[in-house]
C-alpha atoms as a PDB file:
ATOM      1  CA  LEU A   1     -25.090 -27.470   9.017  1.00  0.00           C
ATOM      2  CA  PHE A   2     -23.889 -23.951   9.808  1.00  0.00           C
ATOM      3  CA  TRP A   3     -20.687 -21.970   9.910  1.00  0.00           C
ATOM      4  CA  THR A   4     -19.492 -19.022  11.923  1.00  0.00           C
ATOM      5  CA  ASP A   5     -17.962 -16.019  10.206  1.00  0.00           C
ATOM      6  CA  ILE A   6     -14.847 -14.715  11.929  1.00  0.00           C
ATOM      7  CA  TYR A   7     -13.582 -11.146  11.674  1.00  0.00           C
ATOM      8  CA  ARG A   8     -10.488  -9.720  13.313  1.00  0.00           C
ATOM      9  CA  PHE A   9      -9.786  -5.985  13.271  1.00  0.00           C
ATOM     10  CA  THR A  10      -6.441  -5.064  14.819  1.00  0.00           C
ATOM     11  CA  CYS A  11      -5.553  -1.412  15.453  1.00  0.00           C
ATOM     12  CA  LEU A  12      -1.966  -0.809  16.524  1.00  0.00           C
ATOM     13  CA  ASP A  13      -0.586   2.196  18.408  1.00  0.00           C
ATOM     14  CA  ASP A  14       1.374   3.367  15.354  1.00  0.00           C
ATOM     15  CA  GLY A  15      -1.838   3.984  13.342  1.00  0.00           C
ATOM     16  CA  THR A  16      -1.651   0.820  11.255  1.00  0.00           C
ATOM     17  CA  ALA A  17      -4.544  -1.608  11.018  1.00  0.00           C
ATOM     18  CA  GLU A  18      -5.130  -5.167   9.882  1.00  0.00           C
ATOM     19  CA  PHE A  19      -8.456  -6.822   9.118  1.00  0.00           C
ATOM     20  CA  GLY A  20      -9.154 -10.479   8.411  1.00  0.00           C
ATOM     21  CA  ALA A  21     -12.376 -12.176   7.316  1.00  0.00           C
ATOM     22  CA  GLY A  22     -12.974 -15.893   7.193  1.00  0.00           C
ATOM     23  CA  TRP A  23     -14.666 -18.859   8.801  1.00  0.00           C
ATOM     24  CA  TYR A  24     -14.194 -20.288  12.279  1.00  0.00           C
ATOM     25  CA  ARG A  25     -11.335 -22.810  12.405  1.00  0.00           C
ATOM     26  CA  SER A  26     -10.421 -22.221   8.773  1.00  0.00           C
ATOM     27  CA  GLU A  27      -8.080 -20.128   6.633  1.00  0.00           C
ATOM     28  CA  TRP A  28      -8.703 -16.396   6.245  1.00  0.00           C
ATOM     29  CA  ALA A  29     -10.774 -15.721   3.115  1.00  0.00           C
ATOM     30  CA  GLY A  30      -9.491 -12.156   2.882  1.00  0.00           C
ATOM     31  CA  THR A  31      -6.890 -10.065   4.648  1.00  0.00           C
ATOM     32  CA  PHE A  32      -6.482  -6.290   4.608  1.00  0.00           C
ATOM     33  CA  SER A  33      -3.832  -3.865   5.800  1.00  0.00           C
ATOM     34  CA  GLY A  34      -3.643  -0.094   6.022  1.00  0.00           C
ATOM     35  CA  THR A  35      -4.172   2.755   8.443  1.00  0.00           C
ATOM     36  CA  TYR A  36      -6.820   3.992  10.854  1.00  0.00           C
ATOM     37  CA  THR A  37      -7.675   7.010  12.970  1.00  0.00           C
ATOM     38  CA  LEU A  38      -9.862   7.126  16.060  1.00  0.00           C
ATOM     39  CA  GLU A  39     -11.462  10.438  17.004  1.00  0.00           C
ATOM     40  CA  GLY A  40     -13.991  10.168  19.819  1.00  0.00           C
ATOM     41  CA  ASP A  41     -16.180   7.206  18.908  1.00  0.00           C
ATOM     42  CA  THR A  42     -15.471   7.429  15.147  1.00  0.00           C
ATOM     43  CA  LEU A  43     -13.016   4.976  13.617  1.00  0.00           C
ATOM     44  CA  THR A  44     -11.918   5.728  10.059  1.00  0.00           C
ATOM     45  CA  ALA A  45     -10.002   3.053   8.160  1.00  0.00           C
ATOM     46  CA  ASP A  46      -8.158   3.100   4.832  1.00  0.00           C
ATOM     47  CA  LEU A  47      -7.400  -0.518   3.951  1.00  0.00           C
ATOM     48  CA  THR A  48      -6.111  -2.481   0.977  1.00  0.00           C
ATOM     49  CA  MET A  49      -7.133  -6.082   0.394  1.00  0.00           C
ATOM     50  CA  ASN A  50      -3.880  -8.017   0.265  1.00  0.00           C
ATOM     51  CA  GLU A  51      -5.196 -10.642  -2.152  1.00  0.00           C
ATOM     52  CA  ASP A  52      -6.317  -8.360  -5.016  1.00  0.00           C
ATOM     53  CA  GLY A  53      -5.283  -4.771  -4.175  1.00  0.00           C
ATOM     54  CA  SER A  54      -8.855  -3.454  -3.778  1.00  0.00           C
ATOM     55  CA  THR A  55      -9.007  -0.341  -1.601  1.00  0.00           C
ATOM     56  CA  TYR A  56     -11.598   0.404   1.080  1.00  0.00           C
ATOM     57  CA  HIS A  57     -12.317   3.649   2.912  1.00  0.00           C
ATOM     58  CA  SER A  58     -14.745   3.168   5.791  1.00  0.00           C
ATOM     59  CA  ALA A  59     -16.004   5.177   8.760  1.00  0.00           C
ATOM     60  CA  PHE A  60     -17.630   3.538  11.775  1.00  0.00           C
ATOM     61  CA  THR A  61     -18.960   4.593  15.137  1.00  0.00           C
ATOM     62  CA  VAL A  62     -17.693   2.151  17.734  1.00  0.00           C
ATOM     63  CA  SER A  63     -18.607   1.158  21.263  1.00  0.00           C
ATOM     64  CA  ALA A  64     -17.439  -1.587  23.611  1.00  0.00           C
ATOM     65  CA  GLU A  65     -19.467  -3.267  26.327  1.00  0.00           C
ATOM     66  CA  ASP A  66     -19.268  -6.627  28.131  1.00  0.00           C
ATOM     67  CA  GLY A  67     -16.250  -7.721  26.081  1.00  0.00           C
ATOM     68  CA  LYS A  68     -18.006  -7.073  22.764  1.00  0.00           C
ATOM     69  CA  LEU A  69     -17.297  -4.446  20.128  1.00  0.00           C
ATOM     70  CA  SER A  70     -20.147  -2.831  18.178  1.00  0.00           C
ATOM     71  CA  MET A  71     -19.351  -1.101  14.890  1.00  0.00           C
ATOM     72  CA  THR A  72     -21.907   0.925  12.921  1.00  0.00           C
ATOM     73  CA  LEU A  73     -20.927   1.695   9.328  1.00  0.00           C
ATOM     74  CA  VAL A  74     -21.473   5.452   8.959  1.00  0.00           C
ATOM     75  CA  SER A  75     -20.077   5.905   5.449  1.00  0.00           C
ATOM     76  CA  GLY A  76     -17.838   4.319   2.865  1.00  0.00           C
ATOM     77  CA  ASP A  77     -17.118   0.744   1.947  1.00  0.00           C
ATOM     78  CA  PRO A  78     -18.415  -2.173   4.019  1.00  0.00           C
ATOM     79  CA  LEU A  79     -15.646  -4.560   5.079  1.00  0.00           C
ATOM     80  CA  VAL A  80     -18.184  -7.299   5.756  1.00  0.00           C
ATOM     81  CA  TYR A  81     -20.747  -8.343   3.145  1.00  0.00           C
ATOM     82  CA  LEU A  82     -23.445  -8.471   5.877  1.00  0.00           C
ATOM     83  CA  GLN A  83     -23.131  -4.753   6.676  1.00  0.00           C
ATOM     84  CA  GLN A  84     -24.400  -1.715   4.793  1.00  0.00           C
ATOM     85  CA  VAL A  85     -24.372   1.966   5.781  1.00  0.00           C
ATOM     86  CA  GLY A  86     -26.402   2.352   8.977  1.00  0.00           C
ATOM     87  CA  ASP A  87     -26.069  -1.306  10.042  1.00  0.00           C
ATOM     88  CA  THR A  88     -24.452  -2.229  13.364  1.00  0.00           C
ATOM     89  CA  LEU A  89     -22.554  -5.464  13.809  1.00  0.00           C
ATOM     90  CA  THR A  90     -21.426  -6.641  17.235  1.00  0.00           C
ATOM     91  CA  TYR A  91     -18.286  -8.741  17.575  1.00  0.00           C
ATOM     92  CA  GLY A  92     -17.081 -10.971  20.408  1.00  0.00           C
ATOM     93  CA  GLU A  93     -15.226 -14.197  21.068  1.00  0.00           C
ATOM     94  CA  PRO A  94     -16.587 -17.215  19.158  1.00  0.00           C
ATOM     95  CA  GLU A  95     -18.758 -19.584  21.166  1.00  0.00           C
ATOM     96  CA  GLU A  96     -17.643 -23.213  21.359  1.00  0.00           C
END
């Protein structure tokens, strides 16, 4: 038995961002909304968890290759419990 964690980070042109964390083919366990900036390869996000009002300030270095996004947490609050400062997580489409 296993499950697949799903994360969706949406950055819109107007500087707003949304983040969702949950399990594949299930409800979102947590949703966040706020703002972001992208300067070079550094993405900074200020997000509020919609369910409890917790605030998160995070800075990542980002890179994209072969349809996958890699995000290294440089400083601040991890959005994903699997990631600490210095850790890189790579995201892509879920495998069937």
